Protein backbone atom coordinates (compact mmCIF):
# COMPACT_ATOMS: atom_id res chain seq x y z
CA PRO A 1 5.36 25.20 25.90
CA VAL A 2 1.56 24.98 25.76
CA TRP A 3 1.60 22.69 22.70
CA LEU A 4 3.78 20.14 24.50
CA ARG A 5 1.33 19.87 27.40
CA ALA A 6 -1.49 19.40 24.88
CA ILE A 7 0.18 16.56 22.97
CA GLU A 8 1.67 14.54 25.83
CA PRO A 9 -1.64 12.84 26.80
CA ALA A 10 -2.02 11.44 23.25
CA HIS A 11 1.13 9.38 23.70
CA GLN A 12 1.45 6.59 26.26
CA GLY A 13 5.15 7.31 26.75
CA ALA A 14 7.75 10.04 26.45
CA VAL A 15 7.79 12.14 23.27
CA ASN A 16 11.19 11.51 21.66
CA SER A 17 11.05 13.94 18.76
CA VAL A 18 8.96 16.86 17.51
CA TYR A 19 9.03 18.03 13.91
CA PHE A 20 7.24 21.18 12.72
CA CYS A 21 6.15 20.87 9.09
CA TYR A 22 3.88 22.22 6.34
CA ASN A 23 4.95 25.82 7.02
CA ASP A 24 4.46 25.22 10.76
CA THR A 25 0.77 24.34 10.33
CA ARG A 26 1.42 20.72 11.36
CA LEU A 27 3.47 19.00 14.00
CA LEU A 28 4.75 15.41 13.78
CA THR A 29 5.65 13.74 17.07
CA CYS A 30 7.19 10.35 17.78
CA SER A 31 7.21 8.52 21.04
CA GLU A 32 8.44 5.59 23.07
CA ASP A 33 4.89 4.22 22.81
CA LYS A 34 5.76 3.04 19.25
CA THR A 35 3.59 5.68 17.54
CA LEU A 36 3.84 8.90 15.57
CA VAL A 37 1.07 11.51 15.60
CA LEU A 38 0.38 14.31 13.10
CA TRP A 39 -1.13 17.42 14.73
CA ASP A 40 -2.80 20.62 13.62
CA THR A 41 -0.74 23.35 15.30
CA GLU A 42 -3.61 25.83 15.59
CA SER A 43 -6.21 23.57 17.21
CA LEU A 44 -3.69 21.11 18.75
CA LYS A 45 -5.93 18.26 17.62
CA SER A 46 -4.44 15.02 16.38
CA LEU A 47 -5.09 14.40 12.69
CA GLN A 48 -3.57 10.95 12.22
CA THR A 49 -1.78 8.30 14.28
CA TYR A 50 0.82 6.02 12.69
CA SER A 51 1.63 2.75 14.45
CA LYS A 52 3.75 0.18 12.63
CA HIS A 53 6.94 0.31 14.70
CA GLU A 54 7.60 -2.56 17.12
CA ALA A 55 9.63 -0.46 19.60
CA ASP A 56 10.24 3.18 20.59
CA VAL A 57 10.20 5.60 17.66
CA SER A 58 13.35 7.69 17.96
CA GLY A 59 13.11 10.09 15.02
CA CYS A 60 11.11 11.34 12.07
CA SER A 61 11.55 13.64 9.11
CA LEU A 62 9.46 14.85 6.19
CA THR A 63 10.69 14.20 2.68
CA GLN A 64 10.79 16.57 -0.30
CA SER A 65 7.32 15.30 -1.19
CA VAL A 66 4.93 16.92 1.29
CA ASN A 67 2.76 13.85 1.73
CA ARG A 68 5.59 11.50 2.74
CA PHE A 69 7.77 11.12 5.82
CA CYS A 70 10.21 8.64 7.28
CA SER A 71 10.64 7.33 10.80
CA VAL A 72 13.24 5.26 12.62
CA GLY A 73 12.95 3.28 15.80
CA TRP A 74 14.60 1.06 18.36
CA ASP A 75 13.23 -1.86 16.36
CA LYS A 76 16.06 -1.01 13.89
CA LYS A 77 13.56 -0.19 11.16
CA LEU A 78 13.34 2.72 8.76
CA LEU A 79 9.75 3.23 7.62
CA PHE A 80 8.65 5.44 4.72
CA TRP A 81 5.04 6.59 5.16
CA ASP A 82 2.18 8.05 3.14
CA THR A 83 1.07 10.93 5.38
CA GLU A 84 -2.54 11.05 4.20
CA GLN A 85 -3.36 7.33 4.07
CA GLY A 86 -1.20 6.28 7.01
CA ASP A 87 0.31 3.40 5.03
CA VAL A 88 3.92 2.26 5.10
CA LEU A 89 5.09 2.50 1.48
CA TRP A 90 8.57 1.10 2.02
CA HIS A 91 10.69 -0.18 4.90
CA ALA A 92 14.23 -1.28 5.62
CA SER A 93 15.82 -3.25 8.41
CA LEU A 94 18.96 -1.60 9.75
CA GLU A 95 22.00 -3.22 11.33
CA SER A 96 22.54 -0.58 13.99
CA LEU A 97 20.25 1.41 16.23
CA PRO A 98 19.24 4.63 14.42
CA THR A 99 18.59 7.86 16.27
CA ASP A 100 17.29 10.02 13.44
CA CYS A 101 16.38 9.81 9.76
CA ALA A 102 16.99 13.43 8.76
């Protein structure tokens, strides 16, 4: 897809997960480069980069509240984010390697 070719250069590694959100007006990607990026689906411009994981980010999911999402990574961490500010609001260390937080 065209959007995948547009977002790949923003990540320094493979894109592990893609999540369409906000009525498909935004796209949230996570990557083995330890980051997540929020995109505008119409312009394909990055809106925000989130980078608090210490290893590959394996999954992400929006919560019921539209300005929050969670992510999990190979660092065995679950992070709960404020979408607008880019801050981690809450985190948990997990015993096993998570693949998704949906």
